[in-house]
C-alpha atoms as a PDB file:
ATOM      1  CA  MET A   1     -12.932  -7.006   4.890  1.00  0.00           C
ATOM      2  CA  ARG A   2      -9.558  -5.826   6.200  1.00  0.00           C
ATOM      3  CA  ALA A   3      -7.499  -3.402   4.151  1.00  0.00           C
ATOM      4  CA  LEU A   4      -4.492  -1.139   4.564  1.00  0.00           C
ATOM      5  CA  GLN A   5      -5.430   2.515   4.285  1.00  0.00           C
ATOM      6  CA  MET A   6      -3.387   5.687   3.837  1.00  0.00           C
ATOM      7  CA  ASP A   7      -5.300   8.629   5.269  1.00  0.00           C
ATOM      8  CA  SER A   8      -3.211  11.542   3.965  1.00  0.00           C
ATOM      9  CA  PRO A   9       0.229  12.331   2.498  1.00  0.00           C
ATOM     10  CA  ALA A  10       3.082  11.612   4.899  1.00  0.00           C
ATOM     11  CA  PRO A  11       6.854  11.022   4.861  1.00  0.00           C
ATOM     12  CA  ASP A  12       6.441   7.962   7.084  1.00  0.00           C
ATOM     13  CA  SER A  13       3.854   5.371   8.124  1.00  0.00           C
ATOM     14  CA  SER A  14       2.120   7.655  10.641  1.00  0.00           C
ATOM     15  CA  THR A  15      -1.030   7.915   8.493  1.00  0.00           C
ATOM     16  CA  THR A  16      -1.085   4.253   7.414  1.00  0.00           C
ATOM     17  CA  HIS A  17      -3.247   1.757   9.291  1.00  0.00           C
ATOM     18  CA  VAL A  18      -5.493  -1.282   8.866  1.00  0.00           C
ATOM     19  CA  VAL A  19      -9.235  -0.658   8.594  1.00  0.00           C
ATOM     20  CA  ARG A  20     -12.395  -2.631   7.978  1.00  0.00           C
ATOM     21  CA  THR A  21     -14.125  -1.599   4.814  1.00  0.00           C
ATOM     22  CA  GLN A  22     -16.725  -2.787   2.338  1.00  0.00           C
ATOM     23  CA  THR A  23     -15.786  -5.747   0.136  1.00  0.00           C
ATOM     24  CA  PRO A  24     -15.603  -4.587  -3.492  1.00  0.00           C
ATOM     25  CA  THR A  25     -17.468  -6.228  -6.345  1.00  0.00           C
ATOM     26  CA  PRO A  26     -16.278  -6.357  -9.950  1.00  0.00           C
ATOM     27  CA  GLY A  27     -17.813  -4.189 -12.631  1.00  0.00           C
ATOM     28  CA  PRO A  28     -17.913  -4.819 -16.374  1.00  0.00           C
ATOM     29  CA  GLY A  29     -14.633  -6.283 -17.625  1.00  0.00           C
ATOM     30  CA  GLN A  30     -13.319  -6.742 -14.084  1.00  0.00           C
ATOM     31  CA  VAL A  31     -12.683  -9.597 -11.680  1.00  0.00           C
ATOM     32  CA  SER A  32     -12.436  -9.624  -7.915  1.00  0.00           C
ATOM     33  CA  ILE A  33      -9.589 -11.596  -6.331  1.00  0.00           C
ATOM     34  CA  ASN A  34      -9.261 -13.188  -2.912  1.00  0.00           C
ATOM     35  CA  VAL A  35      -5.765 -11.876  -2.260  1.00  0.00           C
ATOM     36  CA  ALA A  36      -3.273 -14.374  -0.893  1.00  0.00           C
ATOM     37  CA  TYR A  37      -0.202 -12.133  -1.248  1.00  0.00           C
ATOM     38  CA  ALA A  38       0.359  -8.544  -2.333  1.00  0.00           C
ATOM     39  CA  GLY A  39       3.628  -7.064  -3.553  1.00  0.00           C
ATOM     40  CA  ILE A  40       5.177  -4.114  -1.701  1.00  0.00           C
ATOM     41  CA  ASN A  41       6.809  -1.509  -3.939  1.00  0.00           C
ATOM     42  CA  PHE A  42       8.673   1.776  -3.791  1.00  0.00           C
ATOM     43  CA  MET A  43       5.846   3.257  -5.848  1.00  0.00           C
ATOM     44  CA  ASP A  44       3.681   2.847  -2.722  1.00  0.00           C
ATOM     45  CA  VAL A  45       6.135   5.168  -0.955  1.00  0.00           C
ATOM     46  CA  MET A  46       5.895   7.707  -3.758  1.00  0.00           C
ATOM     47  CA  THR A  47       2.116   7.601  -3.498  1.00  0.00           C
ATOM     48  CA  ARG A  48       2.323   8.037   0.289  1.00  0.00           C
ATOM     49  CA  ARG A  49       4.567  11.080  -0.131  1.00  0.00           C
ATOM     50  CA  GLY A  50       2.156  12.577  -2.655  1.00  0.00           C
ATOM     51  CA  ASP A  51       4.839  12.809  -5.346  1.00  0.00           C
ATOM     52  CA  PRO A  52       3.740  14.475  -8.603  1.00  0.00           C
ATOM     53  CA  GLY A  53       2.528  11.818 -10.997  1.00  0.00           C
ATOM     54  CA  TYR A  54       2.029   9.294  -8.200  1.00  0.00           C
ATOM     55  CA  ALA A  55      -0.304  11.143  -5.840  1.00  0.00           C
ATOM     56  CA  PRO A  56      -3.892   9.871  -5.858  1.00  0.00           C
ATOM     57  CA  LEU A  57      -6.856  11.965  -6.885  1.00  0.00           C
ATOM     58  CA  GLY A  58      -8.172  11.820  -3.339  1.00  0.00           C
ATOM     59  CA  TRP A  59      -7.504  10.571   0.173  1.00  0.00           C
ATOM     60  CA  PRO A  60      -7.885   8.204   1.949  1.00  0.00           C
ATOM     61  CA  LEU A  61      -6.883   5.333  -0.304  1.00  0.00           C
ATOM     62  CA  VAL A  62      -5.984   1.644  -0.227  1.00  0.00           C
ATOM     63  CA  PRO A  63      -2.607   1.231  -2.000  1.00  0.00           C
ATOM     64  CA  GLY A  64      -1.171  -1.915  -3.560  1.00  0.00           C
ATOM     65  CA  LEU A  65      -0.279  -2.473  -7.218  1.00  0.00           C
ATOM     66  CA  GLU A  66       0.250  -6.229  -7.593  1.00  0.00           C
ATOM     67  CA  VAL A  67      -1.418  -9.283  -6.106  1.00  0.00           C
ATOM     68  CA  ALA A  68      -1.757 -13.035  -6.423  1.00  0.00           C
ATOM     69  CA  GLY A  69      -4.661 -15.159  -5.264  1.00  0.00           C
ATOM     70  CA  THR A  70      -7.779 -16.790  -6.672  1.00  0.00           C
ATOM     71  CA  VAL A  71     -10.658 -15.322  -8.613  1.00  0.00           C
ATOM     72  CA  ARG A  72     -13.626 -14.609  -6.367  1.00  0.00           C
ATOM     73  CA  ALA A  73     -16.099 -13.281  -8.935  1.00  0.00           C
ATOM     74  CA  ALA A  74     -16.160 -12.116 -12.543  1.00  0.00           C
ATOM     75  CA  GLY A  75     -18.016  -9.067 -13.783  1.00  0.00           C
ATOM     76  CA  PRO A  76     -20.124  -8.774 -16.934  1.00  0.00           C
ATOM     77  CA  GLY A  77     -18.219  -9.358 -20.157  1.00  0.00           C
ATOM     78  CA  VAL A  78     -15.472 -11.494 -18.636  1.00  0.00           C
ATOM     79  CA  CYS A  79     -15.391 -14.890 -20.319  1.00  0.00           C
ATOM     80  CA  ASN A  80     -11.771 -16.032 -20.252  1.00  0.00           C
ATOM     81  CA  ILE A  81     -11.344 -16.146 -16.454  1.00  0.00           C
ATOM     82  CA  GLN A  82     -13.205 -18.492 -14.140  1.00  0.00           C
ATOM     83  CA  VAL A  83     -14.074 -18.287 -10.453  1.00  0.00           C
ATOM     84  CA  GLY A  84     -11.440 -20.204  -8.491  1.00  0.00           C
ATOM     85  CA  ASP A  85      -8.619 -19.652 -11.007  1.00  0.00           C
ATOM     86  CA  ARG A  86      -5.172 -18.978  -9.521  1.00  0.00           C
ATOM     87  CA  VAL A  87      -4.090 -15.610 -10.911  1.00  0.00           C
ATOM     88  CA  ALA A  88      -1.670 -12.725 -10.621  1.00  0.00           C
ATOM     89  CA  ALA A  89      -2.780  -9.204 -11.470  1.00  0.00           C
ATOM     90  CA  LYS A  90      -1.411  -5.712 -12.052  1.00  0.00           C
ATOM     91  CA  LEU A  91      -3.670  -3.199 -10.298  1.00  0.00           C
ATOM     92  CA  SER A  92      -4.087   0.554 -10.291  1.00  0.00           C
ATOM     93  CA  GLY A  93      -4.477   0.362  -6.491  1.00  0.00           C
ATOM     94  CA  GLY A  94      -6.348  -1.484  -3.762  1.00  0.00           C
ATOM     95  CA  GLY A  95      -4.061  -4.498  -3.535  1.00  0.00           C
ATOM     96  CA  PHE A  96      -3.422  -4.351   0.216  1.00  0.00           C
ATOM     97  CA  ALA A  97      -6.807  -5.821   1.028  1.00  0.00           C
ATOM     98  CA  GLU A  98      -8.396  -9.220   1.485  1.00  0.00           C
ATOM     99  CA  VAL A  99     -10.313  -8.686  -1.772  1.00  0.00           C
ATOM    100  CA  ALA A 100      -9.065  -6.607  -4.704  1.00  0.00           C
ATOM    101  CA  VAL A 101     -10.595  -5.722  -8.067  1.00  0.00           C
ATOM    102  CA  ALA A 102      -8.595  -5.939 -11.289  1.00  0.00           C
ATOM    103  CA  ASP A 103      -9.117  -5.183 -14.957  1.00  0.00           C
ATOM    104  CA  SER A 104      -9.431  -8.645 -16.512  1.00  0.00           C
ATOM    105  CA  LYS A 105      -7.013  -7.587 -19.270  1.00  0.00           C
ATOM    106  CA  LEU A 106      -4.277  -7.267 -16.626  1.00  0.00           C
ATOM    107  CA  VAL A 107      -4.802 -10.707 -15.080  1.00  0.00           C
ATOM    108  CA  ALA A 108      -2.646 -13.743 -15.876  1.00  0.00           C
ATOM    109  CA  PRO A 109      -3.004 -17.391 -14.831  1.00  0.00           C
ATOM    110  CA  VAL A 110      -0.539 -18.707 -12.256  1.00  0.00           C
ATOM    111  CA  PRO A 111       0.683 -22.266 -12.931  1.00  0.00           C
ATOM    112  CA  ASP A 112      -0.080 -24.764 -10.170  1.00  0.00           C
ATOM    113  CA  SER A 113       3.641 -25.404  -9.662  1.00  0.00           C
ATOM    114  CA  LEU A 114       4.334 -21.769  -8.726  1.00  0.00           C
ATOM    115  CA  ASP A 115       3.820 -20.509  -5.177  1.00  0.00           C
ATOM    116  CA  LEU A 116       1.499 -17.517  -4.949  1.00  0.00           C
ATOM    117  CA  SER A 117       4.022 -15.609  -2.830  1.00  0.00           C
ATOM    118  CA  ALA A 118       6.418 -15.571  -5.792  1.00  0.00           C
ATOM    119  CA  ALA A 119       3.614 -14.823  -8.252  1.00  0.00           C
ATOM    120  CA  ALA A 120       2.679 -11.720  -6.244  1.00  0.00           C
ATOM    121  CA  ALA A 121       6.085 -10.214  -7.047  1.00  0.00           C
ATOM    122  CA  ALA A 122       5.639 -10.618 -10.806  1.00  0.00           C
ATOM    123  CA  PRO A 123       2.904  -8.228 -12.062  1.00  0.00           C
ATOM    124  CA  LEU A 124       4.836  -5.029 -11.351  1.00  0.00           C
ATOM    125  CA  MET A 125       8.436  -5.981 -10.574  1.00  0.00           C
ATOM    126  CA  LEU A 126       9.143  -8.875 -12.920  1.00  0.00           C
ATOM    127  CA  ALA A 127       6.925  -7.586 -15.723  1.00  0.00           C
ATOM    128  CA  THR A 128       8.738  -4.240 -15.532  1.00  0.00           C
ATOM    129  CA  ALA A 129      12.106  -5.967 -15.928  1.00  0.00           C
ATOM    130  CA  VAL A 130      10.870  -7.930 -18.938  1.00  0.00           C
ATOM    131  CA  LEU A 131       9.372  -4.849 -20.582  1.00  0.00           C
ATOM    132  CA  LEU A 132      12.450  -2.696 -19.965  1.00  0.00           C
ATOM    133  CA  LEU A 133      14.946  -5.182 -21.345  1.00  0.00           C
ATOM    134  CA  ARG A 134      13.024  -7.091 -23.979  1.00  0.00           C
ATOM    135  CA  ASP A 135      10.628  -4.476 -25.365  1.00  0.00           C
ATOM    136  CA  VAL A 136      12.001  -1.005 -24.657  1.00  0.00           C
ATOM    137  CA  ALA A 137      15.786  -1.511 -24.687  1.00  0.00           C
ATOM    138  CA  GLN A 138      15.577  -4.474 -27.066  1.00  0.00           C
ATOM    139  CA  LEU A 139      18.697  -5.821 -25.381  1.00  0.00           C
ATOM    140  CA  ARG A 140      20.862  -7.846 -27.757  1.00  0.00           C
ATOM    141  CA  ALA A 141      23.275 -10.670 -27.021  1.00  0.00           C
ATOM    142  CA  GLY A 142      26.639  -9.458 -25.769  1.00  0.00           C
ATOM    143  CA  GLU A 143      25.514  -5.928 -24.923  1.00  0.00           C
ATOM    144  CA  ARG A 144      26.668  -4.196 -21.745  1.00  0.00           C
ATOM    145  CA  LEU A 145      24.053  -3.209 -19.166  1.00  0.00           C
ATOM    146  CA  PHE A 146      24.174  -0.605 -16.395  1.00  0.00           C
ATOM    147  CA  MET A 147      21.447   0.127 -13.841  1.00  0.00           C
ATOM    148  CA  HIS A 148      21.142   2.557 -10.940  1.00  0.00           C
ATOM    149  CA  LYS A 149      19.614   1.647  -7.549  1.00  0.00           C
ATOM    150  CA  VAL A 150      19.904  -2.119  -7.921  1.00  0.00           C
ATOM    151  CA  SER A 151      19.311  -3.036  -4.269  1.00  0.00           C
ATOM    152  CA  GLY A 152      15.524  -2.869  -4.679  1.00  0.00           C
ATOM    153  CA  GLY A 153      13.008  -5.275  -6.131  1.00  0.00           C
ATOM    154  CA  VAL A 154      13.425  -4.482  -9.848  1.00  0.00           C
ATOM    155  CA  GLY A 155      17.193  -4.357  -9.438  1.00  0.00           C
ATOM    156  CA  SER A 156      17.196  -7.847  -7.951  1.00  0.00           C
ATOM    157  CA  VAL A 157      15.567  -9.415 -11.013  1.00  0.00           C
ATOM    158  CA  VAL A 158      16.893  -7.336 -13.939  1.00  0.00           C
ATOM    159  CA  PRO A 159      20.266  -9.151 -14.106  1.00  0.00           C
ATOM    160  CA  GLN A 160      18.530 -12.510 -14.267  1.00  0.00           C
ATOM    161  CA  VAL A 161      16.152 -11.456 -17.045  1.00  0.00           C
ATOM    162  CA  ALA A 162      19.109  -9.910 -18.858  1.00  0.00           C
ATOM    163  CA  GLN A 163      20.935 -13.221 -18.613  1.00  0.00           C
ATOM    164  CA  THR A 164      18.088 -14.961 -20.462  1.00  0.00           C
ATOM    165  CA  LEU A 165      18.575 -12.438 -23.291  1.00  0.00           C
ATOM    166  CA  GLY A 166      22.315 -13.092 -23.576  1.00  0.00           C
ATOM    167  CA  VAL A 167      23.636  -9.937 -21.913  1.00  0.00           C
ATOM    168  CA  GLY A 168      27.373  -9.330 -21.889  1.00  0.00           C
ATOM    169  CA  VAL A 169      28.371  -7.579 -18.654  1.00  0.00           C
ATOM    170  CA  ARG A 170      25.923  -6.447 -15.946  1.00  0.00           C
ATOM    171  CA  VAL A 171      26.935  -3.502 -13.752  1.00  0.00           C
ATOM    172  CA  GLY A 172      24.762  -1.928 -11.067  1.00  0.00           C
ATOM    173  CA  SER A 173      25.104   0.876  -8.554  1.00  0.00           C
ATOM    174  CA  VAL A 174      23.853   1.218  -4.972  1.00  0.00           C
ATOM    175  CA  SER A 175      23.665   4.240  -2.708  1.00  0.00           C
ATOM    176  CA  ARG A 176      24.886   2.338   0.358  1.00  0.00           C
ATOM    177  CA  SER A 177      27.998   0.172   0.440  1.00  0.00           C
ATOM    178  CA  SER A 178      26.179  -2.176   2.826  1.00  0.00           C
ATOM    179  CA  SER A 179      23.918  -3.178  -0.092  1.00  0.00           C
ATOM    180  CA  ILE A 180      26.741  -4.399  -2.324  1.00  0.00           C
ATOM    181  CA  ASP A 181      26.771  -8.028  -1.132  1.00  0.00           C
ATOM    182  CA  ALA A 182      23.009  -8.511  -1.563  1.00  0.00           C
ATOM    183  CA  ALA A 183      23.065  -6.928  -5.026  1.00  0.00           C
ATOM    184  CA  THR A 184      25.982  -9.113  -6.070  1.00  0.00           C
ATOM    185  CA  ALA A 185      24.084 -12.191  -4.891  1.00  0.00           C
ATOM    186  CA  ALA A 186      21.155 -11.146  -7.107  1.00  0.00           C
ATOM    187  CA  GLY A 187      23.311 -11.629 -10.193  1.00  0.00           C
ATOM    188  CA  TRP A 188      25.136  -8.372 -10.957  1.00  0.00           C
ATOM    189  CA  ASP A 189      28.670  -8.947 -12.249  1.00  0.00           C
ATOM    190  CA  HIS A 190      29.891  -5.697 -10.669  1.00  0.00           C
ATOM    191  CA  VAL A 191      28.151  -3.599  -8.018  1.00  0.00           C
ATOM    192  CA  LEU A 192      29.497  -0.080  -7.500  1.00  0.00           C
ATOM    193  CA  HIS A 193      28.970   2.384  -4.682  1.00  0.00           C
ATOM    194  CA  HIS A 194      27.434   5.521  -6.159  1.00  0.00           C
ATOM    195  CA  ASP A 195      30.098   8.042  -5.155  1.00  0.00           C
ATOM    196  CA  ASP A 196      32.298  10.589  -6.910  1.00  0.00           C
ATOM    197  CA  ALA A 197      34.428   7.875  -8.524  1.00  0.00           C
ATOM    198  CA  ILE A 198      31.575   5.938 -10.087  1.00  0.00           C
ATOM    199  CA  GLU A 199      32.057   7.161 -13.653  1.00  0.00           C
ATOM    200  CA  ASP A 200      35.600   5.809 -13.918  1.00  0.00           C
ATOM    201  CA  ALA A 201      34.693   2.618 -12.054  1.00  0.00           C
ATOM    202  CA  ALA A 202      31.728   1.978 -14.339  1.00  0.00           C
ATOM    203  CA  ARG A 203      33.746   2.470 -17.519  1.00  0.00           C
ATOM    204  CA  ARG A 204      36.441   0.125 -16.232  1.00  0.00           C
ATOM    205  CA  ALA A 205      33.872  -2.538 -15.400  1.00  0.00           C
ATOM    206  CA  ALA A 206      32.368  -2.297 -18.887  1.00  0.00           C
ATOM    207  CA  GLY A 207      35.666  -2.036 -20.744  1.00  0.00           C
ATOM    208  CA  GLY A 208      34.322   1.187 -22.240  1.00  0.00           C
ATOM    209  CA  GLY A 209      30.734   2.413 -22.337  1.00  0.00           C
ATOM    210  CA  PHE A 210      27.344   0.780 -21.856  1.00  0.00           C
ATOM    211  CA  ASP A 211      24.825  -0.134 -24.528  1.00  0.00           C
ATOM    212  CA  VAL A 212      21.778  -0.067 -22.216  1.00  0.00           C
ATOM    213  CA  ILE A 213      21.383   2.125 -19.133  1.00  0.00           C
ATOM    214  CA  LEU A 214      18.348   1.749 -16.849  1.00  0.00           C
ATOM    215  CA  ASP A 215      17.746   4.786 -14.656  1.00  0.00           C
ATOM    216  CA  PRO A 216      14.938   5.017 -12.049  1.00  0.00           C
ATOM    217  CA  THR A 217      16.278   8.267 -10.510  1.00  0.00           C
ATOM    218  CA  GLY A 218      14.471  10.788 -12.678  1.00  0.00           C
ATOM    219  CA  THR A 219      16.974  13.146 -14.280  1.00  0.00           C
ATOM    220  CA  THR A 220      19.389  13.457 -11.340  1.00  0.00           C
ATOM    221  CA  SER A 221      21.843  10.935 -12.832  1.00  0.00           C
ATOM    222  CA  LEU A 222      21.409  11.850 -16.487  1.00  0.00           C
ATOM    223  CA  GLU A 223      24.835  13.479 -16.827  1.00  0.00           C
ATOM    224  CA  LEU A 224      26.445  10.267 -15.563  1.00  0.00           C
ATOM    225  CA  ASP A 225      24.289   8.229 -17.929  1.00  0.00           C
ATOM    226  CA  LEU A 226      25.509  10.258 -20.907  1.00  0.00           C
ATOM    227  CA  ALA A 227      29.113  10.055 -19.721  1.00  0.00           C
ATOM    228  CA  ILE A 228      29.126   6.241 -19.587  1.00  0.00           C
ATOM    229  CA  ALA A 229      26.980   5.627 -22.668  1.00  0.00           C
ATOM    230  CA  ALA A 230      28.566   3.876 -25.631  1.00  0.00           C
ATOM    231  CA  PRO A 231      27.780   5.077 -29.168  1.00  0.00           C
ATOM    232  CA  GLY A 232      24.310   3.828 -30.029  1.00  0.00           C
ATOM    233  CA  ALA A 233      23.321   3.388 -26.380  1.00  0.00           C
ATOM    234  CA  ARG A 234      19.732   3.449 -25.138  1.00  0.00           C
ATOM    235  CA  ILE A 235      19.167   5.326 -21.864  1.00  0.00           C
ATOM    236  CA  ILE A 236      15.805   4.470 -20.312  1.00  0.00           C
ATOM    237  CA  LEU A 237      14.314   6.691 -17.613  1.00  0.00           C
ATOM    238  CA  PHE A 238      11.629   4.693 -15.827  1.00  0.00           C
ATOM    239  CA  GLY A 239      10.983   6.410 -12.519  1.00  0.00           C
ATOM    240  CA  ASN A 240      11.676   9.342 -10.260  1.00  0.00           C
ATOM    241  CA  ALA A 241      12.738   7.793  -6.963  1.00  0.00           C
ATOM    242  CA  GLY A 242      13.700  11.098  -5.377  1.00  0.00           C
ATOM    243  CA  GLY A 243      10.361  12.711  -6.151  1.00  0.00           C
ATOM    244  CA  THR A 244      12.050  15.922  -7.302  1.00  0.00           C
ATOM    245  CA  ALA A 245      10.994  18.022 -10.281  1.00  0.00           C
ATOM    246  CA  PRO A 246      12.763  16.727 -13.401  1.00  0.00           C
ATOM    247  CA  ALA A 247      15.488  18.878 -14.905  1.00  0.00           C
ATOM    248  CA  ALA A 248      15.704  19.853 -18.567  1.00  0.00           C
ATOM    249  CA  LEU A 249      16.698  17.078 -20.937  1.00  0.00           C
ATOM    250  CA  PRO A 250      19.952  17.302 -22.914  1.00  0.00           C
ATOM    251  CA  PRO A 251      19.851  19.137 -26.240  1.00  0.00           C
ATOM    252  CA  PHE A 252      19.110  17.214 -29.393  1.00  0.00           C
ATOM    253  CA  SER A 253      22.579  17.918 -30.792  1.00  0.00           C
ATOM    254  CA  ARG A 254      24.208  16.119 -27.868  1.00  0.00           C
ATOM    255  CA  LEU A 255      22.142  12.979 -28.425  1.00  0.00           C
ATOM    256  CA  LEU A 256      22.591  13.179 -32.174  1.00  0.00           C
ATOM    257  CA  GLY A 257      26.368  13.477 -31.928  1.00  0.00           C
ATOM    258  CA  SER A 258      26.605  10.347 -29.782  1.00  0.00           C
ATOM    259  CA  ASN A 259      23.894   8.334 -31.546  1.00  0.00           C
ATOM    260  CA  VAL A 260      22.329   7.939 -28.096  1.00  0.00           C
ATOM    261  CA  GLY A 261      18.625   7.295 -27.590  1.00  0.00           C
ATOM    262  CA  LEU A 262      16.811   8.697 -24.564  1.00  0.00           C
ATOM    263  CA  LEU A 263      13.612   6.785 -23.767  1.00  0.00           C
ATOM    264  CA  GLY A 264      10.935   7.038 -21.113  1.00  0.00           C
ATOM    265  CA  PHE A 265       8.951   4.133 -19.699  1.00  0.00           C
ATOM    266  CA  SER A 266       6.024   3.839 -17.295  1.00  0.00           C
ATOM    267  CA  ILE A 267       4.329   0.510 -16.704  1.00  0.00           C
ATOM    268  CA  THR A 268       1.402   2.406 -15.182  1.00  0.00           C
ATOM    269  CA  ALA A 269       0.851   4.369 -18.382  1.00  0.00           C
ATOM    270  CA  LEU A 270       1.354   1.277 -20.529  1.00  0.00           C
ATOM    271  CA  ALA A 271      -1.234  -0.616 -18.479  1.00  0.00           C
ATOM    272  CA  ARG A 272      -3.757   2.090 -19.362  1.00  0.00           C
ATOM    273  CA  THR A 273      -2.950   2.350 -23.060  1.00  0.00           C
ATOM    274  CA  ASN A 274      -1.859  -1.175 -23.973  1.00  0.00           C
ATOM    275  CA  PRO A 275      -2.719  -3.653 -21.203  1.00  0.00           C
ATOM    276  CA  ASP A 276      -2.098  -6.639 -23.459  1.00  0.00           C
ATOM    277  CA  ARG A 277       1.619  -5.795 -23.607  1.00  0.00           C
ATOM    278  CA  VAL A 278       1.824  -5.690 -19.821  1.00  0.00           C
ATOM    279  CA  THR A 279       0.031  -9.010 -19.460  1.00  0.00           C
ATOM    280  CA  ASP A 280       2.224 -10.576 -22.131  1.00  0.00           C
ATOM    281  CA  ALA A 281       5.293  -9.529 -20.119  1.00  0.00           C
ATOM    282  CA  LEU A 282       3.686 -10.873 -16.945  1.00  0.00           C
ATOM    283  CA  VAL A 283       3.014 -14.245 -18.583  1.00  0.00           C
ATOM    284  CA  ALA A 284       6.615 -14.343 -19.824  1.00  0.00           C
ATOM    285  CA  GLY A 285       7.893 -13.535 -16.343  1.00  0.00           C
ATOM    286  CA  LEU A 286       5.774 -16.218 -14.687  1.00  0.00           C
ATOM    287  CA  ASP A 287       7.087 -18.735 -17.231  1.00  0.00           C
ATOM    288  CA  MET A 288      10.668 -17.713 -16.361  1.00  0.00           C
ATOM    289  CA  LEU A 289       9.881 -18.482 -12.733  1.00  0.00           C
ATOM    290  CA  VAL A 290       8.401 -21.874 -13.563  1.00  0.00           C
ATOM    291  CA  GLN A 291      11.371 -22.732 -15.814  1.00  0.00           C
ATOM    292  CA  ARG A 292      13.765 -21.609 -13.032  1.00  0.00           C
ATOM    293  CA  GLN A 293      15.409 -19.105 -15.336  1.00  0.00           C
ATOM    294  CA  VAL A 294      14.664 -16.435 -12.728  1.00  0.00           C
ATOM    295  CA  HIS A 295      14.615 -16.655  -8.950  1.00  0.00           C
ATOM    296  CA  LEU A 296      12.900 -13.958  -6.918  1.00  0.00           C
ATOM    297  CA  PRO A 297      14.472 -13.188  -3.529  1.00  0.00           C
ATOM    298  CA  VAL A 298      11.102 -12.672  -1.849  1.00  0.00           C
ATOM    299  CA  THR A 299      10.726 -11.782   1.823  1.00  0.00           C
ATOM    300  CA  VAL A 300       7.213 -12.580   3.102  1.00  0.00           C
ATOM    301  CA  ILE A 301       5.691 -10.192   5.656  1.00  0.00           C
ATOM    302  CA  GLU A 302       3.014 -11.953   7.653  1.00  0.00           C
ATOM    303  CA  SER A 303       0.545  -9.156   8.351  1.00  0.00           C
ATOM    304  CA  LEU A 304      -0.955  -6.063   6.740  1.00  0.00           C
ATOM    305  CA  THR A 305      -0.139  -4.200   9.939  1.00  0.00           C
ATOM    306  CA  ASP A 306       3.580  -4.519   9.125  1.00  0.00           C
ATOM    307  CA  VAL A 307       3.405  -3.057   5.615  1.00  0.00           C
ATOM    308  CA  GLY A 308       3.865   0.530   6.791  1.00  0.00           C
ATOM    309  CA  ALA A 309       7.154  -0.408   8.443  1.00  0.00           C
ATOM    310  CA  ILE A 310       8.379  -1.971   5.180  1.00  0.00           C
ATOM    311  CA  HIS A 311       7.419   1.212   3.336  1.00  0.00           C
ATOM    312  CA  ASP A 312       9.595   3.084   5.840  1.00  0.00           C
ATOM    313  CA  LEU A 313      12.508   0.737   5.078  1.00  0.00           C
ATOM    314  CA  LEU A 314      12.120   1.393   1.371  1.00  0.00           C
ATOM    315  CA  ALA A 315      11.805   5.140   1.927  1.00  0.00           C
ATOM    316  CA  ASN A 316      15.052   5.134   3.913  1.00  0.00           C
ATOM    317  CA  ARG A 317      16.828   3.021   1.234  1.00  0.00           C
ATOM    318  CA  VAL A 318      17.623   0.209   3.665  1.00  0.00           C
ATOM    319  CA  GLY A 319      15.321  -2.486   2.249  1.00  0.00           C
ATOM    320  CA  THR A 320      16.804  -5.208   0.049  1.00  0.00           C
ATOM    321  CA  GLY A 321      15.212  -7.428  -2.563  1.00  0.00           C
ATOM    322  CA  LYS A 322      11.477  -7.878  -2.829  1.00  0.00           C
ATOM    323  CA  TYR A 323       8.852  -7.846  -0.066  1.00  0.00           C
ATOM    324  CA  VAL A 324       5.346  -9.313  -0.296  1.00  0.00           C
ATOM    325  CA  VAL A 325       2.700  -9.395   2.416  1.00  0.00           C
ATOM    326  CA  HIS A 326       0.613 -12.449   3.304  1.00  0.00           C
ATOM    327  CA  VAL A 327      -2.879 -11.007   3.262  1.00  0.00           C
ATOM    328  CA  ASN A 328      -5.178 -13.943   4.024  1.00  0.00           C
ATOM    329  CA  ASP A 329      -5.617 -17.696   3.715  1.00  0.00           C
ATOM    330  CA  ARG A 330      -8.906 -17.561   1.825  1.00  0.00           C
ATOM    331  CA  SER A 331      -7.389 -17.532  -1.640  1.00  0.00           C
ATOM    332  CA  SER A 332      -8.710 -21.048  -2.287  1.00  0.00           C
ATOM    333  CA  THR A 333     -12.340 -20.133  -1.799  1.00  0.00           C
ATOM    334  CA  CYS A 334     -14.835 -17.960  -3.614  1.00  0.00           C
ATOM    335  CA  ASP A 335     -17.630 -18.183  -1.039  1.00  0.00           C
ATOM    336  CA  PRO A 336     -18.780 -14.593  -0.452  1.00  0.00           C
ATOM    337  CA  ARG A 337     -20.184 -15.566   2.977  1.00  0.00           C
ATOM    338  CA  LEU A 338     -16.582 -15.674   4.224  1.00  0.00           C
ATOM    339  CA  ALA A 339     -16.033 -11.951   3.625  1.00  0.00           C
ATOM    340  CA  LEU A 340     -15.540  -9.853   6.754  1.00  0.00           C
END
């Protein structure tokens, strides 16, 4: 089969290329999937860079964390998923390939009315938005939401999920002013350029402080988060986009005095420890798509050979919205004789 391989850590796509490799088979509790589309994520870039916490145990590797397609085969112990089922799956890797293997606990059915290209954007991106807002932040009606780095995939869907939960005002920041229009179109009420004046601009947009702050920047923006937090706010750190070593967290007395909660979230860790919660969020996200409560601004890339260039766009902060790659047209078949 064809797969996208990263040979070694690199700041760009110079070590990323398409190879022919052995078609995987599912083990106990796993299913193999004929991949129709695979989601492209900034976490792929962090893996490629070899960032702490995202670097693989060994090189080379086939990246790819979310896919949609049809079930090719089921391993021993799998009884709730059938060959030929249309599914979306959260993976630990290996998604940029014509066949991928998934833990059956992290696989969800895709309704017939939903295109697989949209479903491929749900297992990581949309499920993360649902988990952040519904489960971790426990966003309540009327609350004010702020998020950093909203020009990317998660940022393009968070305001829509928040709307389903009755959010009050939605304010996002971008690092490039050229990204403001696209972020506004995704549903943010106010999109701010992340410059020296952002604290005052954010507080004006909220009419005070924010109740929920989503921060994928590690700890580099934590002082700003605390400055714009309302009493009782929840600040959620859910990534480390810069790849830098995290700084010390604020002292307990500072959080206590403001009644501010500081929370950490990793969908990767949650998938290991409580996969049912991840799949529940994925099912909820797919239902939002079917009910047209959420629209994903998906850009389809037509070849695995172009994925490295999209990773470069994301690394340089010039990508917008969500990208998925069309992997193959065999998602409707489970005939192993068709494997390359």
